[in-house]
């Protein structure tokens, strides 16, 4: 079996040819004993042997590789500045393995496996310092990682098995999960659930007006959650421009103005001025380079500068200087990008910055306490699932 296909034929993954539709179906440093390392996906504590490399201004440099190739995983910045990476996919299977990146030394450590395999899932840092992993694949299972002891424990399961959903930490400490695809049935969900960390249980809340997956969900300064775009069914012609607002005080969704165009697999970034930057994504006829700004005070969208490269399945990271770093993604039906661009909210313009050594999509990007950005894993057509990791440091 050719590894280039990897998980892209295991689930429904949208692809685009410009001018025609090709919608392709198939959709804490943990002090565990270092001597217990086990190969494959078995739980183990192990430091990567790669020599750490330090990022330099405006460029990407390699750092310690992942122990396991993975894509569709999650990466969460822990309170101590380390990064927890969980699950994902590798060659037609979801992973239970997890790793911690120690930013001080540029190395990875294998930690205990999760209790369940998770891919296309979500991971949310809770106010307690624990990390909530929810859903992924054909499961509604959820579990908690405690960085202080390095263990995973089951918590309450969601009412619906879901993947490609979104999870948002609310101001009251609860976690809102929205939409996604429902397990084996591949039914698009409109339902939403709330996780209460104090009780360890999920409860239903108001459903969105439109079922959606591959959407975004952004916590606004007023405590509401903005959901944008996505697919509403597992076939072409069903990409959304609509947006909705969730009010935690009432548990009710209300429509807000629609985006300038239909978008799925795009990014949404809350800017320091309270606006939300939407960038890239795709629909049935195009891969978007365009971007737009949502103003929560007026509920109006406004166009802003376009990226140099259209892309989807990229990442967008808010930097300490208020700029937004967009990295990699898919630029056409057979092209994975290594390029990166910076958005300046003060001017509304994009500038190209250094490119990564490896083109990738389905990766993660995490802002470290040092101000660097850690990009981990993903996949491309040349290699399949990736182990490579790179660090970006912006020019002062």
Protein backbone atom coordinates (compact mmCIF):
# COMPACT_ATOMS: atom_id res chain seq x y z
CA UNK A 1 0.00 0.00 0.00
CA UNK A 2 1.36 3.39 -0.94
CA UNK A 3 1.75 5.59 2.13
CA UNK A 4 0.94 8.69 0.11
CA UNK A 5 -2.76 7.92 0.46
CA UNK A 6 -2.55 7.67 4.26
CA UNK A 7 -5.73 8.87 6.00
CA UNK A 8 -6.86 10.97 3.07
CA UNK A 9 -8.74 7.95 1.71
CA UNK A 10 -9.94 6.76 5.11
CA UNK A 11 -12.33 9.63 5.76
CA UNK A 12 -14.10 12.24 3.65
CA UNK A 13 -11.47 14.81 2.73
CA UNK A 14 -12.45 17.59 0.33
CA UNK A 15 -10.23 18.33 -2.64
CA UNK A 16 -10.67 20.97 -5.33
CA UNK A 17 -9.73 21.42 -8.99
CA UNK A 18 -10.15 25.06 -10.03
CA UNK A 19 -12.97 25.32 -12.58
CA UNK A 20 -14.50 21.92 -11.73
CA UNK A 21 -15.50 20.04 -8.63
CA UNK A 22 -13.39 17.15 -7.44
CA UNK A 23 -14.94 16.45 -4.08
CA UNK A 24 -13.10 13.28 -3.06
CA UNK A 25 -14.90 10.88 -0.71
CA UNK A 26 -13.23 8.46 1.58
CA UNK A 27 -13.72 11.58 4.47
CA UNK A 28 4.50 19.52 32.87
CA UNK A 29 7.79 17.52 32.26
CA UNK A 30 6.53 14.05 33.09
CA UNK A 31 9.11 12.11 35.04
CA UNK A 32 8.24 8.66 33.83
CA UNK A 33 11.11 6.19 33.68
CA UNK A 34 13.03 6.71 30.46
CA UNK A 35 13.93 3.02 30.35
CA UNK A 36 10.29 2.08 29.71
CA UNK A 37 10.26 3.36 26.11
CA UNK A 38 8.40 1.08 23.71
CA UNK A 39 8.34 1.32 19.92
CA UNK A 40 5.18 1.96 17.89
CA UNK A 41 2.05 3.35 19.58
CA UNK A 42 2.68 1.85 23.01
CA UNK A 43 2.77 4.23 25.97
CA UNK A 44 6.28 5.20 26.95
CA UNK A 45 8.37 8.03 28.24
CA UNK A 46 11.18 8.77 25.84
CA UNK A 47 13.18 11.85 24.88
CA UNK A 48 13.75 12.30 21.16
CA UNK A 49 17.34 11.83 20.17
CA UNK A 50 17.30 14.68 17.65
CA UNK A 51 19.67 17.50 18.51
CA UNK A 52 17.59 20.62 19.26
CA UNK A 53 17.94 23.53 16.88
CA UNK A 54 17.23 27.12 17.81
CA UNK A 55 15.07 29.30 15.60
CA UNK A 56 16.53 32.50 14.24
CA UNK A 57 14.77 35.73 13.36
CA UNK A 58 12.26 35.46 10.50
CA UNK A 59 13.16 31.88 9.57
CA UNK A 60 12.17 28.29 10.21
CA UNK A 61 14.58 25.78 11.72
CA UNK A 62 14.28 22.11 12.60
CA UNK A 63 13.81 20.93 16.15
CA UNK A 64 13.37 17.45 17.64
CA UNK A 65 11.25 15.11 15.51
CA UNK A 66 8.06 13.47 16.70
CA UNK A 67 8.51 9.85 17.74
CA UNK A 68 5.46 8.86 15.68
CA UNK A 69 4.32 10.22 12.28
CA UNK A 70 0.97 11.88 12.80
CA UNK A 71 -1.62 14.14 11.19
CA UNK A 72 -5.06 15.33 12.33
CA UNK A 73 -3.65 15.46 15.86
CA UNK A 74 -3.88 18.21 18.48
CA UNK A 75 -1.25 20.35 20.19
CA UNK A 76 -1.92 22.16 23.47
CA UNK A 77 0.33 24.61 25.30
CA UNK A 78 0.58 23.49 28.94
CA UNK A 79 0.89 25.91 31.89
CA UNK A 80 4.61 25.08 32.28
CA UNK A 81 5.36 26.08 28.68
CA UNK A 82 5.59 22.54 27.29
CA UNK A 83 3.34 21.33 24.46
CA UNK A 84 1.11 18.25 24.66
CA UNK A 85 0.49 16.47 21.35
CA UNK A 86 -2.26 13.83 21.24
CA UNK A 87 -3.55 11.18 18.87
CA UNK A 88 -4.14 11.85 15.22
CA UNK A 89 -3.79 9.41 12.35
CA UNK A 90 -1.03 7.35 10.80
CA UNK A 91 -1.58 4.98 7.85
CA UNK A 92 -5.30 4.34 8.10
CA UNK A 93 -5.55 4.26 11.88
CA UNK A 94 -6.23 6.62 14.76
CA UNK A 95 -3.56 6.87 17.43
CA UNK A 96 -3.72 6.60 21.21
CA UNK A 97 -0.17 7.82 21.73
CA UNK A 98 0.78 11.20 23.19
CA UNK A 99 3.97 13.21 23.48
CA UNK A 100 5.22 16.29 25.31
CA UNK A 101 7.57 18.81 23.71
CA UNK A 102 9.99 20.34 26.19
CA UNK A 103 10.60 23.77 24.73
CA UNK A 104 13.57 24.50 27.00
CA UNK A 105 15.62 21.72 25.37
CA UNK A 106 13.85 21.23 22.03
CA UNK A 107 13.07 17.57 22.63
CA UNK A 108 10.02 15.32 22.70
CA UNK A 109 9.08 12.83 25.41
CA UNK A 110 6.69 9.95 24.94
CA UNK A 111 4.16 9.82 27.76
CA UNK A 112 1.40 7.43 28.74
CA UNK A 113 -1.05 6.51 25.99
CA UNK A 114 -4.56 7.80 26.08
CA UNK A 115 -7.18 5.23 27.05
CA UNK A 116 -8.78 5.46 23.61
CA UNK A 117 -7.63 6.20 20.08
CA UNK A 118 -8.52 9.70 18.92
CA UNK A 119 -8.18 11.35 15.49
CA UNK A 120 -9.93 14.45 14.12
CA UNK A 121 -10.63 15.21 17.78
CA UNK A 122 -10.31 18.31 19.96
CA UNK A 123 -8.10 19.12 22.95
CA UNK A 124 -8.88 21.97 25.35
CA UNK A 125 -6.77 23.33 28.20
CA UNK A 126 -9.02 23.68 31.24
CA UNK A 127 -8.61 26.30 34.00
CA UNK A 128 -7.44 23.45 36.28
CA UNK A 129 -4.41 22.86 34.03
CA UNK A 130 -5.81 19.56 32.81
CA UNK A 131 -6.43 18.90 29.11
CA UNK A 132 -9.79 17.64 27.87
CA UNK A 133 -9.61 15.40 24.78
CA UNK A 134 -13.01 14.79 23.21
CA UNK A 135 -14.35 12.71 20.35
CA UNK A 136 -12.54 11.86 17.14
CA UNK A 137 -13.15 8.97 14.81
CA UNK A 138 -16.31 7.09 15.70
CA UNK A 139 -16.43 7.89 19.39
CA UNK A 140 -17.96 10.31 21.85
CA UNK A 141 -15.39 9.30 24.44
CA UNK A 142 -13.64 12.02 26.42
CA UNK A 143 -10.66 11.86 28.74
CA UNK A 144 -8.51 14.13 30.88
CA UNK A 145 -4.74 14.49 30.98
CA UNK A 146 -3.21 15.67 34.25
CA UNK A 147 0.27 17.14 33.62
CA UNK A 148 1.16 17.02 37.31
CA UNK A 149 1.01 13.22 37.43
CA UNK A 150 1.20 12.34 33.73
CA UNK A 151 -1.93 10.20 33.63
CA UNK A 152 -5.08 9.92 31.55
CA UNK A 153 -8.51 9.28 33.08
CA UNK A 154 -11.88 8.81 31.45
CA UNK A 155 -14.48 11.47 32.05
CA UNK A 156 -18.09 11.66 30.92
CA UNK A 157 -18.77 10.82 27.27
CA UNK A 158 -20.59 13.10 24.86
CA UNK A 159 -24.12 12.16 23.86
CA UNK A 160 -23.04 12.09 20.21
CA UNK A 161 -20.00 10.46 18.70
CA UNK A 162 -18.43 13.20 16.60
CA UNK A 163 -15.31 14.16 14.68
CA UNK A 164 -14.21 17.29 12.80
CA UNK A 165 -16.16 19.22 15.42
CA UNK A 166 -15.00 22.35 17.25
CA UNK A 167 -14.39 22.92 20.98
CA UNK A 168 -14.30 26.31 22.69
CA UNK A 169 -13.41 27.14 26.30
CA UNK A 170 -16.06 29.53 27.64
CA UNK A 171 -15.46 32.30 30.15
CA UNK A 172 -17.26 30.26 32.85
CA UNK A 173 -14.74 27.41 32.47
CA UNK A 174 -17.08 25.08 30.61
CA UNK A 175 -16.28 23.70 27.16
CA UNK A 176 -18.67 24.10 24.24
CA UNK A 177 -18.49 21.42 21.53
CA UNK A 178 -20.27 22.15 18.27
CA UNK A 179 -21.21 20.23 15.15
CA UNK A 180 -18.99 17.66 13.47
CA UNK A 181 -19.69 14.38 11.76
CA UNK A 182 -21.50 11.64 13.66
CA UNK A 183 -19.41 8.47 13.81
CA UNK A 184 -20.02 5.74 11.26
CA UNK A 185 -23.22 7.38 10.01
CA UNK A 186 -21.37 10.40 8.54
CA UNK A 187 -24.34 12.54 9.50
CA UNK A 188 -23.57 16.22 9.86
CA UNK A 189 -24.50 17.48 13.33
CA UNK A 190 -26.14 20.73 14.39
CA UNK A 191 -26.13 19.73 18.04
CA UNK A 192 -23.93 21.28 20.72
CA UNK A 193 -22.88 20.02 24.15
CA UNK A 194 -21.37 21.61 27.25
CA UNK A 195 -18.73 19.95 29.41
CA UNK A 196 -18.64 20.92 33.09
CA UNK A 197 -15.16 20.20 34.52
CA UNK A 198 -16.47 20.41 38.10
CA UNK A 199 -18.97 17.61 37.54
CA UNK A 200 -17.21 15.76 34.71
CA UNK A 201 -20.42 15.51 32.69
CA UNK A 202 -21.78 16.73 29.37
CA UNK A 203 -25.18 18.37 28.93
CA UNK A 204 -27.04 19.31 25.78
CA UNK A 205 -27.40 22.98 24.93
CA UNK A 206 -29.10 24.75 22.06
CA UNK A 207 -28.44 23.40 18.57
CA UNK A 208 -27.07 25.51 15.74
CA UNK A 209 -29.54 26.48 13.03
CA UNK A 210 -27.39 24.69 10.45
CA UNK A 211 -25.50 21.38 10.74
CA UNK A 212 -21.80 21.90 9.99
CA UNK A 213 -18.32 20.41 10.19
CA UNK A 214 -14.88 21.73 9.22
CA UNK A 215 -16.17 25.03 10.65
CA UNK A 216 -14.53 27.45 13.09
CA UNK A 217 -15.66 28.47 16.59
CA UNK A 218 -14.14 31.56 18.24
CA UNK A 219 -14.68 32.95 21.73
CA UNK A 220 -15.45 36.67 21.49
CA UNK A 221 -14.56 39.29 24.13
CA UNK A 222 -18.24 39.53 25.13
CA UNK A 223 -18.31 35.82 26.02
CA UNK A 224 -20.29 34.74 22.98
CA UNK A 225 -18.99 32.20 20.44
CA UNK A 226 -18.83 32.94 16.72
CA UNK A 227 -19.21 29.91 14.43
CA UNK A 228 -18.44 30.34 10.73
CA UNK A 229 -18.72 28.35 7.53
CA UNK A 230 -17.95 24.68 7.11
CA UNK A 231 -19.65 21.86 5.23
CA UNK A 232 -23.27 21.05 5.91
CA UNK A 233 -23.28 17.65 4.17
CA UNK A 234 -20.75 15.08 2.93
CA UNK A 235 -21.10 15.97 -0.73
CA UNK A 236 -20.13 18.85 -2.98
CA UNK A 237 -22.21 22.01 -3.20
CA UNK A 238 -22.84 22.19 0.53
CA UNK A 239 -20.24 24.66 1.79
CA UNK A 240 -21.56 27.48 3.95
CA UNK A 241 -21.10 31.25 4.13
CA UNK A 242 -23.39 31.56 7.14
CA UNK A 243 -22.32 32.43 10.67
CA UNK A 244 -24.00 32.05 14.05
CA UNK A 245 -23.54 33.39 17.58
CA UNK A 246 -23.90 31.30 20.75
CA UNK A 247 -24.87 33.05 23.98
CA UNK A 248 -23.78 30.99 27.04
CA UNK A 249 -26.16 32.96 29.25
CA UNK A 250 -29.20 31.64 27.36
CA UNK A 251 -27.85 28.60 25.53
CA UNK A 252 -29.37 29.98 22.35
CA UNK A 253 -27.90 30.47 18.86
CA UNK A 254 -28.77 33.47 16.73
CA UNK A 255 -27.78 34.15 13.13
CA UNK A 256 -25.33 36.91 12.37
CA UNK A 257 -24.26 38.31 9.02
CA UNK A 258 -22.79 35.86 6.54
CA UNK A 259 -19.22 35.87 5.29
CA UNK A 260 -18.32 37.30 1.89
CA UNK A 261 -18.16 33.82 0.36
CA UNK A 262 -18.64 30.16 1.23
CA UNK A 263 -15.69 28.73 3.14
CA UNK A 264 -14.68 25.48 4.81
CA UNK A 265 -11.42 24.29 6.33
CA UNK A 266 -10.45 27.94 6.85
CA UNK A 267 -9.01 29.60 9.96
CA UNK A 268 -10.45 32.12 12.41
CA UNK A 269 -8.23 34.21 14.71
CA UNK A 270 -9.33 36.62 17.42
CA UNK A 271 -7.27 39.79 17.05
CA UNK A 272 -6.23 42.05 19.95
CA UNK A 273 -8.78 44.67 18.80
CA UNK A 274 -11.61 42.17 19.28
CA UNK A 275 -12.21 41.54 15.59
CA UNK A 276 -12.02 38.05 14.05
CA UNK A 277 -9.79 37.40 11.04
CA UNK A 278 -11.02 34.71 8.65
CA UNK A 279 -8.36 33.50 6.20
CA UNK A 280 -8.30 31.08 3.29
CA UNK A 281 -10.38 27.94 3.07
CA UNK A 282 -12.12 26.39 0.09
CA UNK A 283 -15.42 25.94 -1.64
CA UNK A 284 -16.59 23.91 -4.63
CA UNK A 285 -14.84 26.08 -7.20
CA UNK A 286 -11.89 27.78 -5.52
CA UNK A 287 -9.17 27.69 -2.92
CA UNK A 288 -9.33 31.06 -1.22
CA UNK A 289 -6.50 33.54 -0.79
CA UNK A 290 -8.98 36.12 0.46
CA UNK A 291 -9.50 37.16 4.07
CA UNK A 292 -12.24 38.99 5.95
CA UNK A 293 -12.75 40.71 9.30
CA UNK A 294 -15.77 40.30 11.59
CA UNK A 295 -16.59 43.13 13.99
CA UNK A 296 -18.60 41.79 16.98
CA UNK A 297 -19.81 45.28 17.91
CA UNK A 298 -21.57 45.80 14.57
CA UNK A 299 -21.88 42.15 13.46
CA UNK A 300 -20.57 43.20 10.06
CA UNK A 301 -17.94 41.58 7.83
CA UNK A 302 -15.41 43.69 5.96
CA UNK A 303 -12.84 42.60 3.36
CA UNK A 304 -9.17 42.92 4.17
CA UNK A 305 -5.96 42.16 2.26
CA UNK A 306 -5.63 38.80 0.52
CA UNK A 307 -2.83 36.31 1.04
CA UNK A 308 -0.29 35.72 -1.72
CA UNK A 309 -1.28 32.04 -1.81
CA UNK A 310 -4.71 30.46 -1.59
CA UNK A 311 -4.73 27.65 0.94
CA UNK A 312 -6.85 25.39 3.15
CA UNK A 313 -5.94 23.00 5.96
CA UNK A 314 -3.38 25.59 7.01
CA UNK A 315 -2.85 27.04 10.48
CA UNK A 316 -3.15 30.61 11.78
CA UNK A 317 -1.32 31.71 14.95
CA UNK A 318 -1.62 35.03 16.76
CA UNK A 319 1.89 36.23 17.58
CA UNK A 320 2.94 38.26 20.60
CA UNK A 321 3.30 41.37 18.43
CA UNK A 322 -0.35 41.15 17.32
CA UNK A 323 0.40 39.86 13.84
CA UNK A 324 -0.99 36.56 12.54
CA UNK A 325 1.24 33.85 11.10
CA UNK A 326 -0.40 31.61 8.48
CA UNK A 327 1.58 28.52 7.59
CA UNK A 328 1.51 25.80 4.94
CA UNK A 329 -1.70 24.03 3.89
CA UNK A 330 -3.02 22.72 0.59
CA UNK A 331 -2.76 25.17 -2.32
CA UNK A 332 -4.28 23.03 -5.10
CA UNK A 333 -5.47 19.49 -5.70
CA UNK A 334 -1.95 18.04 -5.73
CA UNK A 335 0.06 20.83 -4.13
CA UNK A 336 1.03 21.11 -0.48
CA UNK A 337 2.58 24.42 0.54
CA UNK A 338 5.62 25.19 2.68
CA UNK A 339 5.09 28.94 2.51
CA UNK A 340 4.13 31.25 5.35
CA UNK A 341 2.66 34.75 5.49
CA UNK A 342 2.17 37.43 8.13
CA UNK A 343 -0.98 39.53 8.52
CA UNK A 344 -0.59 42.99 10.05
CA UNK A 345 -3.90 44.22 11.55
CA UNK A 346 -2.60 47.79 11.59
CA UNK A 347 -2.31 47.91 7.80
CA UNK A 348 -4.63 45.09 6.75
CA UNK A 349 -1.91 43.60 4.57
CA UNK A 350 -0.06 40.31 4.23
CA UNK A 351 3.68 39.87 3.71
CA UNK A 352 5.44 36.66 2.83
CA UNK A 353 7.93 35.38 5.38
CA UNK A 354 10.34 32.46 5.42
CA UNK A 355 9.12 29.10 4.12
CA UNK A 356 9.37 25.85 6.03
CA UNK A 357 11.75 23.12 4.92
CA UNK A 358 8.84 20.68 4.47
CA UNK A 359 5.52 21.33 2.76
CA UNK A 360 2.64 20.11 4.90
CA UNK A 361 -1.03 20.26 5.82
CA UNK A 362 -3.10 18.70 8.62
CA UNK A 363 -0.38 19.94 11.02
CA UNK A 364 -0.53 21.94 14.27
CA UNK A 365 0.98 25.31 15.14
CA UNK A 366 1.48 26.40 18.76
CA UNK A 367 2.72 29.72 20.09
CA UNK A 368 5.37 29.01 22.73
CA UNK A 369 6.08 31.18 25.76
CA UNK A 370 9.33 32.17 24.03
CA UNK A 371 7.34 33.79 21.21
CA UNK A 372 8.38 31.06 18.77
CA UNK A 373 5.83 28.99 16.88
CA UNK A 374 6.10 25.20 16.95
CA UNK A 375 4.75 23.45 13.84
CA UNK A 376 4.44 19.69 14.26
CA UNK A 377 3.63 16.78 12.01
CA UNK A 378 0.99 16.81 9.30
CA UNK A 379 1.30 15.16 5.92
CA UNK A 380 2.13 15.71 2.27
CA UNK A 381 1.90 13.67 -0.92
CA UNK A 382 5.62 12.97 -1.05
CA UNK A 383 6.10 11.43 2.39
CA UNK A 384 2.64 10.79 3.81
CA UNK A 385 2.34 11.34 7.57
CA UNK A 386 5.22 13.42 8.91
CA UNK A 387 7.49 13.28 11.95
CA UNK A 388 9.26 16.55 11.21
CA UNK A 389 8.90 19.59 13.46
CA UNK A 390 9.96 23.18 12.78
CA UNK A 391 10.26 26.39 14.79
CA UNK A 392 9.46 29.87 13.53
CA UNK A 393 10.71 33.06 15.10
CA UNK A 394 9.50 36.38 13.76
CA UNK A 395 11.81 39.28 13.03
CA UNK A 396 11.90 41.71 15.99
